[in-house]
Amino acid sequence: MNHRSSGSLTLRKAIIGFSNHKTVEGLTERSVDSYKRDLEQWAAYAGDIEVAQITKQDIEAYLFYLRTEYVPHRFGGDTRALSPKTLRNI
C-alpha cells in the first residue's frame, strides 16, 4: 500500500519519516532518539517549514544561533556552550 501525499513535506513530518527510516536501518534506539531530539530542536527554532524551502542559509543561521545565543539546559544545571564536537554532530 502506498501512502504518498500529493502535498508538500513539512519539517516535522520529515523528522518522523527520517526517524522511522533510521530505525529500519537498525540504528540503536539511543542513536535514533539523538537524531530526533536534534532535529526537533531545529524545528522548534525554524518552525514547521516545508522541506523544499530549506536553504543552506537556514541551516547556517541555526548553527550560528547554537554557537552564539543558545543556552543548553542540561541535567545538573550546566549551561556551558555546546562543545565543537556537539556542534559538528548536529
N, C-alpha and C. Protein backbone atom coordinates (compact mmCIF):
# COMPACT_ATOMS: atom_id res chain seq x y z
N MET A 1 0.85 -1.18 0.00
CA MET A 1 0.00 0.00 0.00
C MET A 1 0.89 1.23 0.00
N ASN A 2 0.60 2.19 -0.85
CA ASN A 2 1.41 3.40 -0.99
C ASN A 2 0.64 4.58 -0.41
N HIS A 3 1.25 5.26 0.56
CA HIS A 3 0.60 6.38 1.24
C HIS A 3 1.31 7.69 0.94
N ARG A 4 1.66 7.94 -0.27
CA ARG A 4 2.35 9.19 -0.62
C ARG A 4 1.36 10.33 -0.68
N SER A 5 1.79 11.46 -0.15
CA SER A 5 0.97 12.66 -0.17
C SER A 5 1.26 13.44 -1.44
N SER A 6 0.24 14.07 -1.96
CA SER A 6 0.45 14.91 -3.14
C SER A 6 0.92 16.30 -2.75
N GLY A 7 0.87 16.63 -1.45
CA GLY A 7 1.25 17.95 -0.98
C GLY A 7 2.72 18.03 -0.64
N SER A 8 3.05 19.11 0.01
CA SER A 8 4.44 19.33 0.40
C SER A 8 4.77 18.57 1.67
N LEU A 9 6.03 18.45 1.93
CA LEU A 9 6.52 17.73 3.10
C LEU A 9 7.01 18.75 4.13
N THR A 10 6.38 18.76 5.30
CA THR A 10 6.80 19.67 6.35
C THR A 10 7.98 19.08 7.11
N LEU A 11 8.70 19.95 7.77
CA LEU A 11 9.87 19.52 8.53
C LEU A 11 9.49 18.49 9.58
N ARG A 12 8.41 18.71 10.31
CA ARG A 12 8.02 17.76 11.35
C ARG A 12 7.68 16.39 10.79
N LYS A 13 7.00 16.34 9.64
CA LYS A 13 6.71 15.05 9.01
C LYS A 13 7.99 14.38 8.53
N ALA A 14 8.92 15.18 8.01
CA ALA A 14 10.20 14.64 7.55
C ALA A 14 10.99 14.05 8.71
N ILE A 15 10.92 14.68 9.87
CA ILE A 15 11.63 14.16 11.05
C ILE A 15 11.09 12.80 11.43
N ILE A 16 9.77 12.65 11.39
CA ILE A 16 9.16 11.36 11.72
C ILE A 16 9.62 10.30 10.71
N GLY A 17 9.55 10.64 9.43
CA GLY A 17 9.98 9.69 8.41
C GLY A 17 11.46 9.34 8.53
N PHE A 18 12.29 10.34 8.80
CA PHE A 18 13.73 10.10 8.96
C PHE A 18 14.00 9.19 10.16
N SER A 19 13.31 9.45 11.27
CA SER A 19 13.48 8.63 12.47
C SER A 19 13.06 7.19 12.20
N ASN A 20 11.93 7.02 11.52
CA ASN A 20 11.47 5.67 11.18
C ASN A 20 12.47 4.97 10.27
N HIS A 21 13.01 5.71 9.30
CA HIS A 21 13.99 5.14 8.38
C HIS A 21 15.24 4.68 9.13
N LYS A 22 15.72 5.50 10.05
CA LYS A 22 16.91 5.14 10.81
C LYS A 22 16.65 3.92 11.70
N THR A 23 15.42 3.80 12.20
CA THR A 23 15.06 2.61 12.99
C THR A 23 15.10 1.37 12.10
N VAL A 24 14.53 1.47 10.91
CA VAL A 24 14.52 0.35 9.96
C VAL A 24 15.94 -0.04 9.57
N GLU A 25 16.82 0.96 9.44
CA GLU A 25 18.23 0.69 9.11
C GLU A 25 18.94 -0.09 10.21
N GLY A 26 18.36 -0.10 11.41
CA GLY A 26 18.97 -0.85 12.50
C GLY A 26 19.76 -0.02 13.49
N LEU A 27 19.66 1.31 13.42
CA LEU A 27 20.35 2.13 14.41
C LEU A 27 19.76 1.85 15.79
N THR A 28 20.56 2.06 16.80
CA THR A 28 20.08 1.85 18.16
C THR A 28 19.02 2.88 18.49
N GLU A 29 18.18 2.54 19.45
CA GLU A 29 17.14 3.47 19.89
C GLU A 29 17.77 4.77 20.39
N ARG A 30 18.91 4.66 21.06
CA ARG A 30 19.60 5.84 21.56
C ARG A 30 20.05 6.75 20.42
N SER A 31 20.59 6.17 19.35
CA SER A 31 21.02 6.97 18.20
C SER A 31 19.84 7.65 17.52
N VAL A 32 18.76 6.89 17.32
CA VAL A 32 17.57 7.45 16.69
C VAL A 32 17.01 8.58 17.54
N ASP A 33 16.96 8.37 18.85
CA ASP A 33 16.46 9.42 19.76
C ASP A 33 17.33 10.66 19.69
N SER A 34 18.63 10.48 19.57
CA SER A 34 19.55 11.61 19.49
C SER A 34 19.30 12.42 18.21
N TYR A 35 19.20 11.72 17.07
CA TYR A 35 18.87 12.40 15.81
C TYR A 35 17.55 13.15 15.95
N LYS A 36 16.55 12.46 16.47
CA LYS A 36 15.21 13.04 16.57
C LYS A 36 15.21 14.28 17.47
N ARG A 37 15.90 14.21 18.59
CA ARG A 37 15.97 15.34 19.52
C ARG A 37 16.64 16.55 18.87
N ASP A 38 17.75 16.32 18.17
CA ASP A 38 18.45 17.42 17.49
C ASP A 38 17.57 18.04 16.41
N LEU A 39 16.91 17.20 15.63
CA LEU A 39 16.06 17.71 14.55
C LEU A 39 14.82 18.42 15.08
N GLU A 40 14.23 17.90 16.16
CA GLU A 40 13.07 18.56 16.74
C GLU A 40 13.44 19.91 17.34
N GLN A 41 14.65 20.01 17.87
CA GLN A 41 15.11 21.29 18.40
C GLN A 41 15.26 22.29 17.26
N TRP A 42 15.77 21.84 16.12
CA TRP A 42 15.87 22.71 14.95
C TRP A 42 14.48 23.12 14.47
N ALA A 43 13.54 22.18 14.47
CA ALA A 43 12.17 22.50 14.05
C ALA A 43 11.54 23.53 14.98
N ALA A 44 11.84 23.45 16.26
CA ALA A 44 11.32 24.44 17.21
C ALA A 44 11.89 25.82 16.88
N TYR A 45 13.13 25.86 16.45
CA TYR A 45 13.78 27.12 16.07
C TYR A 45 13.23 27.64 14.73
N ALA A 46 13.13 26.76 13.75
CA ALA A 46 12.80 27.15 12.38
C ALA A 46 11.31 27.23 12.11
N GLY A 47 10.52 26.52 12.89
CA GLY A 47 9.09 26.40 12.61
C GLY A 47 8.85 25.21 11.70
N ASP A 48 7.60 24.89 11.49
CA ASP A 48 7.26 23.72 10.68
C ASP A 48 7.23 24.11 9.20
N ILE A 49 8.41 24.40 8.70
CA ILE A 49 8.55 24.85 7.32
C ILE A 49 8.53 23.66 6.35
N GLU A 50 8.33 23.96 5.09
CA GLU A 50 8.38 22.92 4.08
C GLU A 50 9.83 22.56 3.79
N VAL A 51 10.10 21.28 3.70
CA VAL A 51 11.47 20.82 3.47
C VAL A 51 12.04 21.42 2.18
N ALA A 52 11.23 21.51 1.15
CA ALA A 52 11.70 22.04 -0.13
C ALA A 52 12.12 23.50 -0.03
N GLN A 53 11.69 24.19 1.01
CA GLN A 53 12.02 25.61 1.17
C GLN A 53 13.27 25.85 2.01
N ILE A 54 13.83 24.79 2.61
CA ILE A 54 15.00 24.93 3.48
C ILE A 54 16.22 25.26 2.61
N THR A 55 16.96 26.28 3.04
CA THR A 55 18.16 26.69 2.31
C THR A 55 19.41 26.47 3.16
N LYS A 56 20.53 26.55 2.51
CA LYS A 56 21.81 26.49 3.20
C LYS A 56 21.88 27.61 4.25
N GLN A 57 21.36 28.76 3.92
CA GLN A 57 21.37 29.89 4.84
C GLN A 57 20.53 29.60 6.09
N ASP A 58 19.43 28.88 5.93
CA ASP A 58 18.61 28.50 7.09
C ASP A 58 19.42 27.63 8.05
N ILE A 59 20.13 26.68 7.50
CA ILE A 59 20.93 25.77 8.33
C ILE A 59 22.09 26.54 8.98
N GLU A 60 22.75 27.39 8.23
CA GLU A 60 23.85 28.18 8.77
C GLU A 60 23.36 29.13 9.87
N ALA A 61 22.17 29.70 9.70
CA ALA A 61 21.61 30.60 10.72
C ALA A 61 21.35 29.83 12.01
N TYR A 62 20.87 28.60 11.89
CA TYR A 62 20.63 27.78 13.08
C TYR A 62 21.94 27.44 13.78
N LEU A 63 22.94 27.04 13.02
CA LEU A 63 24.24 26.72 13.62
C LEU A 63 24.86 27.96 14.27
N PHE A 64 24.68 29.12 13.64
CA PHE A 64 25.17 30.37 14.23
C PHE A 64 24.47 30.63 15.56
N TYR A 65 23.16 30.44 15.58
CA TYR A 65 22.38 30.58 16.82
C TYR A 65 22.90 29.64 17.91
N LEU A 66 23.17 28.39 17.55
CA LEU A 66 23.67 27.43 18.54
C LEU A 66 25.02 27.86 19.10
N ARG A 67 25.85 28.44 18.25
CA ARG A 67 27.19 28.88 18.68
C ARG A 67 27.16 30.16 19.51
N THR A 68 26.20 31.03 19.26
CA THR A 68 26.28 32.36 19.85
C THR A 68 25.20 32.69 20.89
N GLU A 69 24.00 32.13 20.76
CA GLU A 69 22.91 32.52 21.64
C GLU A 69 22.30 31.39 22.46
N TYR A 70 22.35 30.18 21.94
CA TYR A 70 21.69 29.05 22.59
C TYR A 70 22.30 28.78 23.96
N VAL A 71 21.44 28.57 24.94
CA VAL A 71 21.88 28.20 26.28
C VAL A 71 21.37 26.79 26.57
N PRO A 72 22.28 25.82 26.63
CA PRO A 72 21.85 24.44 26.89
C PRO A 72 21.22 24.31 28.28
N HIS A 73 20.28 23.40 28.39
CA HIS A 73 19.65 23.09 29.67
C HIS A 73 19.92 21.62 29.97
N ARG A 74 21.01 21.39 30.66
CA ARG A 74 21.44 20.03 30.96
C ARG A 74 21.01 19.63 32.36
N PHE A 75 21.01 18.33 32.58
CA PHE A 75 20.78 17.84 33.93
C PHE A 75 21.87 18.39 34.82
N GLY A 76 21.54 18.82 36.01
CA GLY A 76 22.53 19.38 36.92
C GLY A 76 22.71 20.88 36.75
N GLY A 77 22.05 21.49 35.76
CA GLY A 77 22.09 22.93 35.62
C GLY A 77 23.26 23.51 34.83
N ASP A 78 24.10 22.66 34.26
CA ASP A 78 25.25 23.15 33.48
C ASP A 78 24.75 23.88 32.24
N THR A 79 25.17 25.11 32.06
CA THR A 79 24.74 25.91 30.90
C THR A 79 25.91 26.33 30.01
N ARG A 80 27.04 25.63 30.11
CA ARG A 80 28.18 25.93 29.23
C ARG A 80 27.76 25.81 27.77
N ALA A 81 28.43 26.56 26.91
CA ALA A 81 28.16 26.49 25.47
C ALA A 81 28.40 25.07 24.96
N LEU A 82 27.75 24.75 23.86
CA LEU A 82 27.95 23.44 23.25
C LEU A 82 29.39 23.30 22.79
N SER A 83 29.91 22.10 22.91
CA SER A 83 31.29 21.84 22.50
C SER A 83 31.38 21.80 20.97
N PRO A 84 32.58 22.02 20.44
CA PRO A 84 32.76 21.92 18.98
C PRO A 84 32.32 20.55 18.45
N LYS A 85 32.58 19.47 19.20
CA LYS A 85 32.18 18.13 18.77
C LYS A 85 30.66 18.02 18.69
N THR A 86 29.95 18.55 19.67
CA THR A 86 28.50 18.51 19.65
C THR A 86 27.96 19.29 18.47
N LEU A 87 28.53 20.44 18.21
CA LEU A 87 28.10 21.25 17.07
C LEU A 87 28.36 20.52 15.74
N ARG A 88 29.49 19.82 15.62
CA ARG A 88 29.76 19.04 14.40
C ARG A 88 28.71 17.94 14.26
N ASN A 89 28.37 17.28 15.37
CA ASN A 89 27.38 16.20 15.32
C ASN A 89 26.02 16.73 14.87
N ILE A 90 25.66 17.89 15.37
CA ILE A 90 24.37 18.50 14.97
C ILE A 90 24.41 18.82 13.50
